[in-house]
Amino acid sequence: MHSPSTALSVNLNKVALVRNTRHLGIPSVTRAATLCLEAGANGITVHPRPDARHIRASDVVELAQLLQDWPDREFNVEGNPFHNLMDCVSDLRARGLPVHQVTFVPDSEGQFTSDHGWSFPQDTQRLAPLVAQARALGLRVSLFMDAEPQAMEAAKSVGADRVELYTEPYAAAWGGAAQAVQLQRFARAAQAAQAVGLGVNAGHDLNRDNLAAFAQQVPSVLEVSIGHALIADALELGYSATIAAYLRCLGR
């Protein structure tokens, strides 16, 4: 059964990536955000990396300024808290700009894309003070996690509010014999997280084909963050029709 409360957050990294190939300022990241929000997206996600290969520090500020006009929507800034993430969100807070959630992702500086979650107990001691720092800024903290039920209690113990389940293994299994097995795996991980008091987000390679089944069978997902596939769809369909299609996948 669809969870009617599953929010759609649009990751705008790929819009910035195209923009950065020229010096013309197009396509506009803030214009893309506006069109997505007007079409009903519940939030905006960005992942500013240290090399600024797509989202730049100035984009983060401009998007936060834009979201001041959308008080019912959320701004999720994700990244590695040992790189540039904490400086980025601390700057927004110092400016009095909205940022609602930070998603801690354990990627290396040159990594092509996020491809694994945090490991416990290995990461416990170094994560805990950064989670506390983010929460002291008034931010919700989500940890990017593999769908391992046994790790959820440790994620809760470091002070996280939510986990974001790394859904690439499900996406890779879509349409094959392992699809049902992966859905069951993610459902168990979500249930384990919720049992210890964690909210559940999800993201990575979710698309118009595989999202509906995920939303139907993984219980009470609070937010999905979708970038690459959604922006690719928007190149063909436009932002408004694309957002509408993803909201339909979420039962809305």
Protein backbone atom coordinates (compact mmCIF):
# COMPACT_ATOMS: atom_id res chain seq x y z
CA MET A 1 0.00 0.00 0.00
CA HIS A 2 1.31 3.46 -0.87
CA SER A 3 2.35 5.69 2.00
CA PRO A 4 0.59 9.01 1.33
CA SER A 5 3.23 10.82 3.37
CA THR A 6 6.22 9.95 1.17
CA ALA A 7 7.83 13.25 0.17
CA LEU A 8 9.56 13.76 -3.18
CA SER A 9 12.83 15.69 -2.93
CA VAL A 10 14.45 16.59 -6.26
CA ASN A 11 18.24 16.38 -6.47
CA LEU A 12 19.50 19.16 -8.76
CA ASN A 13 23.14 18.07 -9.11
CA LYS A 14 22.76 17.15 -12.79
CA VAL A 15 21.25 20.52 -13.68
CA ALA A 16 24.34 22.16 -12.20
CA LEU A 17 26.60 19.70 -14.02
CA VAL A 18 25.21 20.77 -17.40
CA ARG A 19 25.36 24.44 -16.40
CA ASN A 20 29.03 24.10 -15.46
CA THR A 21 30.06 22.98 -18.96
CA ARG A 22 29.70 26.59 -20.18
CA HIS A 23 29.94 30.05 -18.63
CA LEU A 24 26.44 31.20 -19.56
CA GLY A 25 24.58 30.36 -16.36
CA ILE A 26 22.14 28.06 -18.14
CA PRO A 27 20.36 25.89 -17.29
CA SER A 28 19.57 27.78 -14.09
CA VAL A 29 19.59 25.69 -10.94
CA THR A 30 17.22 28.06 -9.15
CA ARG A 31 14.84 28.09 -12.13
CA ALA A 32 14.84 24.28 -12.12
CA ALA A 33 14.07 24.30 -8.40
CA THR A 34 11.22 26.78 -8.90
CA LEU A 35 9.64 24.68 -11.65
CA CYS A 36 9.89 21.51 -9.55
CA LEU A 37 8.39 23.19 -6.50
CA GLU A 38 5.59 24.74 -8.56
CA ALA A 39 4.81 21.27 -9.91
CA GLY A 40 4.44 19.88 -6.39
CA ALA A 41 7.87 18.59 -5.34
CA ASN A 42 8.16 18.56 -1.56
CA GLY A 43 11.77 19.57 -1.38
CA ILE A 44 15.13 20.15 -3.01
CA THR A 45 18.29 18.11 -2.46
CA VAL A 46 21.85 19.09 -3.34
CA HIS A 47 25.19 17.39 -2.81
CA PRO A 48 27.95 20.03 -2.92
CA ARG A 49 31.24 18.21 -3.36
CA PRO A 50 34.65 19.68 -2.49
CA ASP A 51 35.62 19.90 -6.18
CA ALA A 52 32.37 21.76 -7.06
CA ARG A 53 31.95 19.49 -10.07
CA HIS A 54 28.23 20.30 -10.10
CA ILE A 55 26.59 22.14 -7.18
CA ARG A 56 28.66 25.12 -6.04
CA ALA A 57 28.64 26.84 -2.66
CA SER A 58 26.86 29.79 -4.27
CA ASP A 59 24.10 27.45 -5.51
CA VAL A 60 23.47 26.23 -1.98
CA VAL A 61 23.00 29.79 -0.74
CA GLU A 62 20.80 30.82 -3.68
CA LEU A 63 18.58 27.76 -3.27
CA ALA A 64 18.22 28.40 0.45
CA GLN A 65 17.22 31.99 -0.35
CA LEU A 66 14.67 30.67 -2.84
CA LEU A 67 13.23 28.25 -0.29
CA GLN A 68 12.47 31.15 2.04
CA ASP A 69 9.48 31.70 -0.28
CA TRP A 70 8.39 28.06 0.11
CA PRO A 71 8.05 27.60 3.89
CA ASP A 72 6.18 24.31 3.52
CA ARG A 73 9.00 22.68 1.51
CA GLU A 74 12.32 21.31 2.68
CA PHE A 75 15.98 21.79 1.79
CA ASN A 76 18.17 18.69 2.16
CA VAL A 77 21.94 19.16 1.87
CA GLU A 78 23.91 15.95 1.61
CA GLY A 79 27.58 15.13 1.59
CA ASN A 80 30.49 13.84 3.59
CA PRO A 81 30.60 15.60 6.97
CA PHE A 82 34.40 15.21 7.00
CA HIS A 83 34.71 17.27 3.82
CA ASN A 84 32.76 20.49 3.15
CA LEU A 85 29.26 19.65 4.38
CA MET A 86 29.39 21.08 7.88
CA ASP A 87 30.91 24.38 6.74
CA CYS A 88 28.19 24.62 4.11
CA VAL A 89 25.24 24.13 6.46
CA SER A 90 26.82 26.19 9.24
CA ASP A 91 27.08 29.07 6.76
CA LEU A 92 23.37 28.77 5.91
CA ARG A 93 22.46 28.80 9.58
CA ALA A 94 24.70 31.84 10.21
CA ARG A 95 22.88 33.67 7.39
CA GLY A 96 19.50 32.74 8.85
CA LEU A 97 18.63 30.71 5.75
CA PRO A 98 16.52 27.55 5.72
CA VAL A 99 18.08 24.12 5.74
CA HIS A 100 16.03 21.31 7.23
CA GLN A 101 18.00 18.12 6.83
CA VAL A 102 21.59 17.04 6.38
CA THR A 103 22.29 13.63 4.93
CA PHE A 104 25.72 12.28 5.85
CA VAL A 105 27.19 10.27 2.97
CA PRO A 106 30.51 8.36 3.28
CA ASP A 107 31.96 9.13 -0.15
CA SER A 108 35.55 9.99 -0.99
CA GLU A 109 36.45 13.32 -2.56
CA GLY A 110 36.95 11.97 -6.07
CA GLN A 111 34.17 9.38 -5.97
CA PHE A 112 32.00 9.25 -9.11
CA THR A 113 28.78 8.78 -7.15
CA SER A 114 27.72 7.53 -3.73
CA ASP A 115 27.90 3.75 -3.67
CA HIS A 116 27.79 2.53 -0.05
CA GLY A 117 26.53 3.44 3.37
CA TRP A 118 28.20 4.01 6.72
CA SER A 119 29.69 1.04 8.58
CA PHE A 120 29.19 0.30 12.26
CA PRO A 121 30.87 0.03 14.68
CA GLN A 122 33.79 1.36 12.61
CA ASP A 123 32.27 4.81 12.01
CA THR A 124 30.56 5.25 15.38
CA GLN A 125 33.12 7.33 17.26
CA ARG A 126 33.88 9.76 14.46
CA LEU A 127 30.26 10.27 13.41
CA ALA A 128 28.73 10.92 16.82
CA PRO A 129 30.23 14.40 17.41
CA LEU A 130 29.29 15.56 13.92
CA VAL A 131 25.72 14.32 14.34
CA ALA A 132 25.62 16.25 17.61
CA GLN A 133 27.01 19.36 15.89
CA ALA A 134 24.34 19.21 13.18
CA ARG A 135 21.55 18.67 15.66
CA ALA A 136 22.82 21.61 17.72
CA LEU A 137 22.29 23.70 14.56
CA GLY A 138 18.66 22.57 14.61
CA LEU A 139 19.04 20.17 11.71
CA ARG A 140 17.51 16.75 11.17
CA VAL A 141 20.28 14.23 10.53
CA SER A 142 19.92 11.34 8.11
CA LEU A 143 22.65 8.72 7.59
CA PHE A 144 23.14 7.11 4.18
CA MET A 145 22.94 3.38 4.92
CA ASP A 146 22.97 0.05 3.18
CA ALA A 147 19.80 -1.98 3.70
CA GLU A 148 21.20 -3.97 6.64
CA PRO A 149 18.65 -4.39 9.43
CA GLN A 150 21.29 -5.18 12.04
CA ALA A 151 22.99 -1.78 11.53
CA MET A 152 19.98 0.36 12.37
CA GLU A 153 20.35 0.27 16.14
CA ALA A 154 23.92 1.57 15.79
CA ALA A 155 22.75 4.36 13.47
CA LYS A 156 20.25 5.39 16.12
CA SER A 157 22.89 5.24 18.85
CA VAL A 158 25.04 7.96 17.22
CA GLY A 159 22.08 10.35 17.38
CA ALA A 160 20.66 10.18 13.86
CA ASP A 161 17.01 11.05 13.25
CA ARG A 162 16.66 9.12 10.01
CA VAL A 163 18.47 6.81 7.64
CA GLU A 164 18.48 7.08 3.86
CA LEU A 165 18.46 3.57 2.43
CA TYR A 166 20.87 3.23 -0.51
CA THR A 167 18.57 1.79 -3.16
CA GLU A 168 20.96 1.01 -6.03
CA PRO A 169 20.93 -2.75 -5.30
CA TYR A 170 17.14 -2.71 -5.65
CA ALA A 171 17.33 -0.66 -8.85
CA ALA A 172 19.94 -3.03 -10.30
CA ALA A 173 17.69 -6.01 -9.54
CA TRP A 174 14.59 -4.41 -11.06
CA GLY A 175 12.90 -6.63 -13.64
CA GLY A 176 14.99 -9.66 -12.74
CA ALA A 177 14.76 -12.70 -10.53
CA ALA A 178 16.25 -10.85 -7.55
CA GLN A 179 13.71 -8.01 -7.55
CA ALA A 180 11.41 -9.58 -4.96
CA VAL A 181 14.35 -10.55 -2.76
CA GLN A 182 15.67 -7.00 -2.79
CA LEU A 183 12.25 -5.55 -1.99
CA GLN A 184 11.98 -7.87 1.00
CA ARG A 185 15.48 -6.87 2.09
CA PHE A 186 14.62 -3.18 1.97
CA ALA A 187 11.32 -3.73 3.73
CA ARG A 188 13.11 -5.54 6.57
CA ALA A 189 15.70 -2.76 6.83
CA ALA A 190 12.97 -0.11 6.97
CA GLN A 191 11.10 -2.03 9.65
CA ALA A 192 14.29 -2.44 11.69
CA ALA A 193 15.00 1.29 11.46
CA GLN A 194 11.48 2.21 12.48
CA ALA A 195 11.57 -0.26 15.37
CA VAL A 196 14.43 1.70 16.97
CA GLY A 197 12.82 5.07 16.31
CA LEU A 198 14.49 6.11 13.07
CA GLY A 199 12.61 7.69 10.18
CA VAL A 200 13.31 6.16 6.77
CA ASN A 201 14.31 7.97 3.59
CA ALA A 202 15.49 6.30 0.39
CA GLY A 203 17.41 7.19 -2.72
CA HIS A 204 19.80 6.27 -5.54
CA ASP A 205 18.71 5.13 -9.01
CA LEU A 206 15.01 5.25 -8.23
CA ASN A 207 13.03 6.05 -11.38
CA ARG A 208 9.56 6.01 -12.94
CA ASP A 209 9.77 2.26 -13.54
CA ASN A 210 10.86 1.04 -10.11
CA LEU A 211 9.58 3.69 -7.69
CA ALA A 212 5.93 2.61 -7.40
CA ALA A 213 6.76 -0.95 -6.34
CA PHE A 214 9.26 0.35 -3.81
CA ALA A 215 6.77 2.82 -2.35
CA GLN A 216 4.10 0.13 -2.16
CA GLN A 217 6.18 -2.56 -0.52
CA VAL A 218 8.68 -0.78 1.71
CA PRO A 219 6.69 0.53 4.68
CA SER A 220 6.32 4.16 5.72
CA VAL A 221 9.13 5.75 3.70
CA LEU A 222 9.13 9.44 4.63
CA GLU A 223 11.13 10.80 1.68
CA VAL A 224 12.68 9.71 -1.59
CA SER A 225 15.48 11.80 -3.08
CA ILE A 226 15.75 11.44 -6.86
CA GLY A 227 18.12 13.20 -9.21
CA HIS A 228 19.66 11.54 -12.24
CA ALA A 229 16.61 9.72 -13.60
CA LEU A 230 14.24 12.59 -12.81
CA ILE A 231 16.39 15.19 -14.57
CA ALA A 232 16.82 12.83 -17.53
CA ASP A 233 13.04 12.47 -17.73
CA ALA A 234 12.64 16.24 -17.48
CA LEU A 235 14.80 16.68 -20.60
CA GLU A 236 12.12 14.77 -22.52
CA LEU A 237 8.91 15.57 -20.65
CA GLY A 238 9.57 18.92 -18.96
CA TYR A 239 9.71 19.49 -15.23
CA SER A 240 5.98 19.76 -14.59
CA ALA A 241 5.01 16.50 -16.29
CA THR A 242 7.98 14.71 -14.77
CA ILE A 243 7.18 15.76 -11.21
CA ALA A 244 3.55 14.76 -11.76
CA ALA A 245 4.67 11.33 -12.96
CA TYR A 246 6.88 10.75 -9.92
CA LEU A 247 4.14 11.90 -7.57
CA ARG A 248 1.81 9.38 -9.22
CA CYS A 249 4.40 6.67 -8.51
CA LEU A 250 4.11 7.69 -4.87
CA GLY A 251 0.33 7.34 -5.00
CA ARG A 252 -0.38 11.06 -5.27
